[in-house]
Amino acid sequence: MLNLFGVNVATVTDSEKRNKIQEILTQNNIKYSVKAEYINQKNAFDSAIIGNSENGTQLKYMFYVNKKDADMAVHLINSVE
């Protein structure tokens, strides 16, 4: 995935926190991108297993914003946590 934004302002594993962060950034007109990664995936062959069974896999969500918006985004995210 090509990351058009440069600064990682938050990384969360809870989908409820992810939703709150998306909401607060959108409400404040801060453009962002989100990258999701499996935390428990050990290698490429595990990805075939992930879709077929519930083996306790967990996602982490990484939020990226433009460098000029990073300070404001961090401030807003910290105010809701």
N, C-alpha and C. Protein backbone atom coordinates (compact mmCIF):
# COMPACT_ATOMS: atom_id res chain seq x y z
N MET A 1 0.84 -1.18 0.00
CA MET A 1 0.00 0.00 0.00
C MET A 1 0.88 1.24 0.00
N LEU A 2 0.61 2.14 -0.88
CA LEU A 2 1.36 3.39 -0.96
C LEU A 2 0.83 4.35 0.09
N ASN A 3 1.69 4.80 0.95
CA ASN A 3 1.29 5.73 2.00
C ASN A 3 1.54 7.16 1.52
N LEU A 4 0.45 7.87 1.24
CA LEU A 4 0.57 9.24 0.74
C LEU A 4 0.87 10.23 1.86
N PHE A 5 0.62 9.83 3.10
CA PHE A 5 0.85 10.69 4.24
C PHE A 5 2.11 10.22 4.94
N GLY A 6 2.75 11.11 5.69
CA GLY A 6 4.04 10.76 6.21
C GLY A 6 4.16 10.42 7.67
N VAL A 7 3.27 10.90 8.53
CA VAL A 7 3.51 10.81 9.96
C VAL A 7 2.50 9.86 10.62
N ASN A 8 3.02 8.87 11.33
CA ASN A 8 2.15 7.96 12.09
C ASN A 8 1.79 8.67 13.39
N VAL A 9 0.49 8.94 13.57
CA VAL A 9 0.05 9.67 14.76
C VAL A 9 -0.61 8.77 15.80
N ALA A 10 -0.96 7.55 15.42
CA ALA A 10 -1.57 6.63 16.38
C ALA A 10 -1.54 5.22 15.84
N THR A 11 -1.41 4.27 16.75
CA THR A 11 -1.53 2.85 16.43
C THR A 11 -2.38 2.22 17.52
N VAL A 12 -3.48 1.60 17.11
CA VAL A 12 -4.41 0.99 18.07
C VAL A 12 -4.78 -0.41 17.60
N THR A 13 -5.22 -1.24 18.56
CA THR A 13 -5.66 -2.58 18.23
C THR A 13 -7.15 -2.76 18.47
N ASP A 14 -7.77 -1.81 19.09
CA ASP A 14 -9.19 -1.86 19.43
C ASP A 14 -10.01 -1.18 18.34
N SER A 15 -10.99 -1.89 17.79
CA SER A 15 -11.79 -1.31 16.70
C SER A 15 -12.64 -0.14 17.18
N GLU A 16 -13.02 -0.13 18.44
CA GLU A 16 -13.79 1.01 18.97
C GLU A 16 -12.92 2.27 19.00
N LYS A 17 -11.66 2.12 19.43
CA LYS A 17 -10.74 3.27 19.42
C LYS A 17 -10.47 3.72 17.98
N ARG A 18 -10.35 2.75 17.07
CA ARG A 18 -10.15 3.09 15.66
C ARG A 18 -11.30 3.97 15.16
N ASN A 19 -12.53 3.57 15.49
CA ASN A 19 -13.69 4.35 15.06
C ASN A 19 -13.69 5.75 15.66
N LYS A 20 -13.31 5.89 16.94
CA LYS A 20 -13.25 7.20 17.58
C LYS A 20 -12.21 8.10 16.92
N ILE A 21 -11.06 7.53 16.60
CA ILE A 21 -10.00 8.30 15.96
C ILE A 21 -10.44 8.75 14.58
N GLN A 22 -11.05 7.85 13.82
CA GLN A 22 -11.53 8.22 12.49
C GLN A 22 -12.57 9.35 12.59
N GLU A 23 -13.44 9.25 13.56
CA GLU A 23 -14.48 10.26 13.74
C GLU A 23 -13.89 11.62 14.08
N ILE A 24 -12.95 11.65 15.03
CA ILE A 24 -12.37 12.93 15.47
C ILE A 24 -11.55 13.58 14.35
N LEU A 25 -10.82 12.78 13.57
CA LEU A 25 -10.04 13.34 12.47
C LEU A 25 -10.96 13.88 11.38
N THR A 26 -12.01 13.15 11.07
CA THR A 26 -12.97 13.59 10.05
C THR A 26 -13.68 14.87 10.49
N GLN A 27 -14.12 14.92 11.75
CA GLN A 27 -14.81 16.11 12.25
C GLN A 27 -13.94 17.36 12.17
N ASN A 28 -12.63 17.17 12.26
CA ASN A 28 -11.70 18.31 12.23
C ASN A 28 -11.03 18.49 10.87
N ASN A 29 -11.60 17.85 9.86
CA ASN A 29 -11.12 18.00 8.48
C ASN A 29 -9.64 17.69 8.31
N ILE A 30 -9.17 16.67 9.02
CA ILE A 30 -7.79 16.22 8.88
C ILE A 30 -7.80 14.98 8.01
N LYS A 31 -7.15 15.07 6.86
CA LYS A 31 -7.06 13.91 5.97
C LYS A 31 -6.11 12.89 6.57
N TYR A 32 -6.50 11.63 6.46
CA TYR A 32 -5.70 10.56 7.05
C TYR A 32 -5.79 9.30 6.20
N SER A 33 -4.87 8.40 6.44
CA SER A 33 -4.96 7.06 5.88
C SER A 33 -4.76 6.07 7.02
N VAL A 34 -5.33 4.90 6.86
CA VAL A 34 -5.23 3.86 7.88
C VAL A 34 -4.64 2.62 7.23
N LYS A 35 -3.65 2.06 7.89
CA LYS A 35 -3.07 0.81 7.43
C LYS A 35 -3.37 -0.23 8.50
N ALA A 36 -3.88 -1.39 8.09
CA ALA A 36 -4.18 -2.47 9.02
C ALA A 36 -3.21 -3.62 8.78
N GLU A 37 -2.70 -4.18 9.86
CA GLU A 37 -1.79 -5.33 9.77
C GLU A 37 -2.20 -6.37 10.80
N TYR A 38 -2.01 -7.63 10.44
CA TYR A 38 -2.22 -8.71 11.40
C TYR A 38 -1.05 -8.74 12.36
N ILE A 39 -1.35 -8.78 13.65
CA ILE A 39 -0.31 -8.82 14.67
C ILE A 39 0.25 -10.23 14.82
N ASN A 40 -0.62 -11.22 14.79
CA ASN A 40 -0.22 -12.59 15.10
C ASN A 40 0.30 -13.36 13.89
N GLN A 41 0.31 -12.76 12.73
CA GLN A 41 0.77 -13.46 11.53
C GLN A 41 2.29 -13.62 11.58
N LYS A 42 2.74 -14.86 11.57
CA LYS A 42 4.17 -15.14 11.69
C LYS A 42 4.89 -15.14 10.34
N ASN A 43 4.21 -15.62 9.29
CA ASN A 43 4.83 -15.63 7.97
C ASN A 43 3.75 -15.59 6.90
N ALA A 44 4.15 -15.56 5.64
CA ALA A 44 3.20 -15.43 4.54
C ALA A 44 2.24 -16.60 4.46
N PHE A 45 2.65 -17.79 4.88
CA PHE A 45 1.78 -18.96 4.81
C PHE A 45 0.64 -18.88 5.81
N ASP A 46 0.80 -18.09 6.89
CA ASP A 46 -0.26 -17.93 7.88
C ASP A 46 -1.47 -17.21 7.30
N SER A 47 -1.27 -16.39 6.26
CA SER A 47 -2.38 -15.63 5.71
C SER A 47 -3.45 -16.54 5.12
N ALA A 48 -3.07 -17.72 4.62
CA ALA A 48 -4.06 -18.66 4.11
C ALA A 48 -4.90 -19.23 5.23
N ILE A 49 -4.32 -19.37 6.39
CA ILE A 49 -5.02 -19.93 7.55
C ILE A 49 -5.96 -18.89 8.16
N ILE A 50 -5.57 -17.64 8.14
CA ILE A 50 -6.32 -16.57 8.79
C ILE A 50 -7.76 -16.51 8.29
N GLY A 51 -7.96 -16.65 7.00
CA GLY A 51 -9.30 -16.56 6.45
C GLY A 51 -10.16 -17.78 6.72
N ASN A 52 -9.55 -18.88 7.14
CA ASN A 52 -10.30 -20.12 7.28
C ASN A 52 -10.65 -20.51 8.69
N SER A 53 -10.08 -19.87 9.68
CA SER A 53 -10.39 -20.25 11.06
C SER A 53 -10.19 -19.08 11.99
N GLU A 54 -10.81 -19.16 13.13
CA GLU A 54 -10.61 -18.13 14.15
C GLU A 54 -9.49 -18.60 15.06
N ASN A 55 -8.30 -18.12 14.81
CA ASN A 55 -7.15 -18.58 15.58
C ASN A 55 -6.57 -17.46 16.44
N GLY A 56 -7.41 -16.52 16.84
CA GLY A 56 -6.95 -15.47 17.74
C GLY A 56 -6.14 -14.38 17.06
N THR A 57 -6.28 -14.22 15.76
CA THR A 57 -5.55 -13.16 15.09
C THR A 57 -6.11 -11.81 15.50
N GLN A 58 -5.23 -10.83 15.52
CA GLN A 58 -5.62 -9.49 15.93
C GLN A 58 -5.03 -8.49 14.95
N LEU A 59 -5.80 -7.44 14.66
CA LEU A 59 -5.34 -6.40 13.77
C LEU A 59 -4.82 -5.21 14.56
N LYS A 60 -3.83 -4.54 13.99
CA LYS A 60 -3.44 -3.22 14.52
C LYS A 60 -3.69 -2.23 13.41
N TYR A 61 -4.18 -1.06 13.81
CA TYR A 61 -4.54 0.00 12.87
C TYR A 61 -3.59 1.17 13.08
N MET A 62 -2.92 1.56 12.02
CA MET A 62 -1.95 2.65 12.08
C MET A 62 -2.48 3.84 11.29
N PHE A 63 -2.57 4.98 11.96
CA PHE A 63 -3.11 6.20 11.35
C PHE A 63 -1.97 7.11 10.91
N TYR A 64 -2.06 7.57 9.67
CA TYR A 64 -1.06 8.47 9.10
C TYR A 64 -1.73 9.76 8.65
N VAL A 65 -1.05 10.88 8.90
CA VAL A 65 -1.54 12.18 8.45
C VAL A 65 -0.39 12.96 7.82
N ASN A 66 -0.75 14.04 7.15
CA ASN A 66 0.23 14.94 6.58
C ASN A 66 1.05 15.56 7.71
N LYS A 67 2.30 15.79 7.46
CA LYS A 67 3.20 16.34 8.48
C LYS A 67 2.67 17.64 9.09
N LYS A 68 2.05 18.49 8.28
CA LYS A 68 1.56 19.78 8.79
C LYS A 68 0.38 19.61 9.76
N ASP A 69 -0.31 18.48 9.69
CA ASP A 69 -1.46 18.22 10.56
C ASP A 69 -1.13 17.32 11.76
N ALA A 70 0.11 16.87 11.84
CA ALA A 70 0.47 15.86 12.84
C ALA A 70 0.26 16.33 14.28
N ASP A 71 0.72 17.52 14.62
CA ASP A 71 0.59 18.01 16.00
C ASP A 71 -0.87 18.12 16.42
N MET A 72 -1.70 18.67 15.55
CA MET A 72 -3.12 18.81 15.86
C MET A 72 -3.77 17.43 15.98
N ALA A 73 -3.43 16.51 15.09
CA ALA A 73 -4.02 15.17 15.13
C ALA A 73 -3.66 14.46 16.43
N VAL A 74 -2.42 14.54 16.85
CA VAL A 74 -1.99 13.90 18.10
C VAL A 74 -2.74 14.52 19.29
N HIS A 75 -2.87 15.83 19.28
CA HIS A 75 -3.59 16.51 20.35
C HIS A 75 -5.05 16.04 20.41
N LEU A 76 -5.71 15.98 19.27
CA LEU A 76 -7.11 15.56 19.23
C LEU A 76 -7.28 14.09 19.65
N ILE A 77 -6.38 13.25 19.18
CA ILE A 77 -6.45 11.82 19.52
C ILE A 77 -6.24 11.63 21.02
N ASN A 78 -5.28 12.33 21.59
CA ASN A 78 -5.03 12.21 23.03
C ASN A 78 -6.19 12.73 23.86
N SER A 79 -6.96 13.67 23.32
CA SER A 79 -8.09 14.23 24.08
C SER A 79 -9.27 13.27 24.15
N VAL A 80 -9.35 12.29 23.28
CA VAL A 80 -10.46 11.33 23.31
C VAL A 80 -10.10 10.01 23.96
N GLU A 81 -8.85 9.77 24.22
CA GLU A 81 -8.42 8.50 24.83
C GLU A 81 -8.49 8.53 26.31
